[in-house]
Structure formats: structure tokens, C-alpha cells
């Protein structure tokens, strides 16, 4: 019984986050971009341009154009992703239609591009972080990635640059340029929302004084340390490699700990995208 209640809570929380993300995205579109003929990338951008040409509601077009990609999402990524995407798309279409009669908050194109991009990026980032999507071009990129030499990110960029360029022919070239500003702002905010503000760093340390360093990290930073079996290429002696994950603010202190013990130590620092504590049922995305 407790597991079932927990599952229901997770489903409710997921649906709530997807809905909040959709409402936020719709607000960014209707309050800033659409009234000023500034487009976003992907299916949403196509919907804005088609709405201008055909007088069809943007909300309806977002729903109709995304629908064919739901099956691809199910086949390529999974059932949970497909359901989350359907819910996100329906919610976005609904809220865009609800907000549509409301006039834009500003007529300044630059302010509309920047703040529209920020709000849309926050909404889409929340949707992606929760496990959904509102853009069918991502599924197309995944399929083309397997049949071409380009990555998913490169394919999405090419598709969106083409869509944003079309805005120059349909609206005007200054609107197309502002659309690019909005798109790149949104991409940066999406990345920030997905990764989080508190970035984590994965640090690999190679030192013959690994025992002393391990003890100091555990004592002074309170961080768990993993020792990876290794061998020194120079001496042939056993030399376990230290691996530890710290926050961005702890990197400087970690460096001081290592250098105080062994000035000849070698270490690398890499960004960590996600940290999970499976035994504690906690998940933090960085």
C-alpha cells in the first residue's frame, strides 16, 4: 500500500510539473513572442508562422503538428516519455488558446525577444527536466542521428535555423533576427533549468598519498570518496585513483587539501550533469 501511494504522488507531481511548464511556456509565447511576430524554434515556431498565414489558432496548430510525433516518441524513447509529451502538448495548446485574447505586455521587440526567451526557456526546461517535450523536431533529430553523421544537437540546430530564417520571408528580417535572439536566450535558460544553479564537479585525483588525501576529504569536506583500482605507469606500483563529487564552491578547498598533502598530485575536474542517491530515493539534476 505505501508503495502504491508513493507512486500516485509521483504521478501527480510529474503531471503538476508538466502543467506548470506548459503554462509558463504559453505565457512566454502569448505575452511576448506571438503579438510581436517573433517565432520560436521547432513545431511552435512553425505553428506561429502558419497561424499568421492561415488565421488558424496557434494552440490548435501546436496540437495538430505535434500529434504525428507522439508515436515516434513512443517507439524511439518509451511509453512514459510519450505520455508526458502528450500531456505537455495538450496543456500547452490549451493555455496558448486561453491566453490568446490577452494583448502582449510590450511592443519593444528586443524586450519581447529577451523576456519571451527567458520565460519560454524556463517552461520548456521544466518540461524536459520532468521527462516530457513539446517539440516533435527532437524525435526527428533522434531518427536522423542514426542515419547521418550529425549529432542530435546539430540536427536540431539546423532545423531551427531553417525555421527561424523562414520568419524573415513571412514577417520581416528584423523579426527573424529578434527570433534568433529569443531562441538562443531560451536555449541557454533551458540548459540552466535542466542542469540547475548548483553545479557539481567530478574530480579524479592520482597520487601516491591517496590514503591521506582520502581521509582529509572525508574529514574536512564530509564527502564520500571512491577508490578506483589503478597502477602507476612510472613505477609499476599499485596507485588507486580517487574519485569524488563536490559542489562548485568546494573545488578550491579540495585543491588546497590535495596540494597540502602532495604537490605532485595529478587531478582532473569535470562537470557532472546528474547526481543520484538511489538508496535514499533522491535525485538532483545539475
Foldseek 3Di string as FASTA:
>chain_A
DVVVVVVVVLVVVLLVLLLVLLLLLLCLCQQFDLLQLAAAFAQLRVLSLVCVVPVDQSLVSLLVVCVVLLVLCCVPPHDVQSVLANSNSNSNSVNNVVSNVPHHPDNDLLVSLQVSLLSNLLSQLSSVLSRYHSGSVLSVLVVVVVVDVDHSVVSSVVRRLVSLVVSCVRPNVVSSVSNVSSHVNSVVNSLCSQQDDWWKKKKKKWDQVVVQLQVCCCVVVVWHKDWAWDADPVPRHTTTIIITMDTPVCPVVSVVSVCVVPVPMDMDMDTDQWDDDVVVPDTDGD
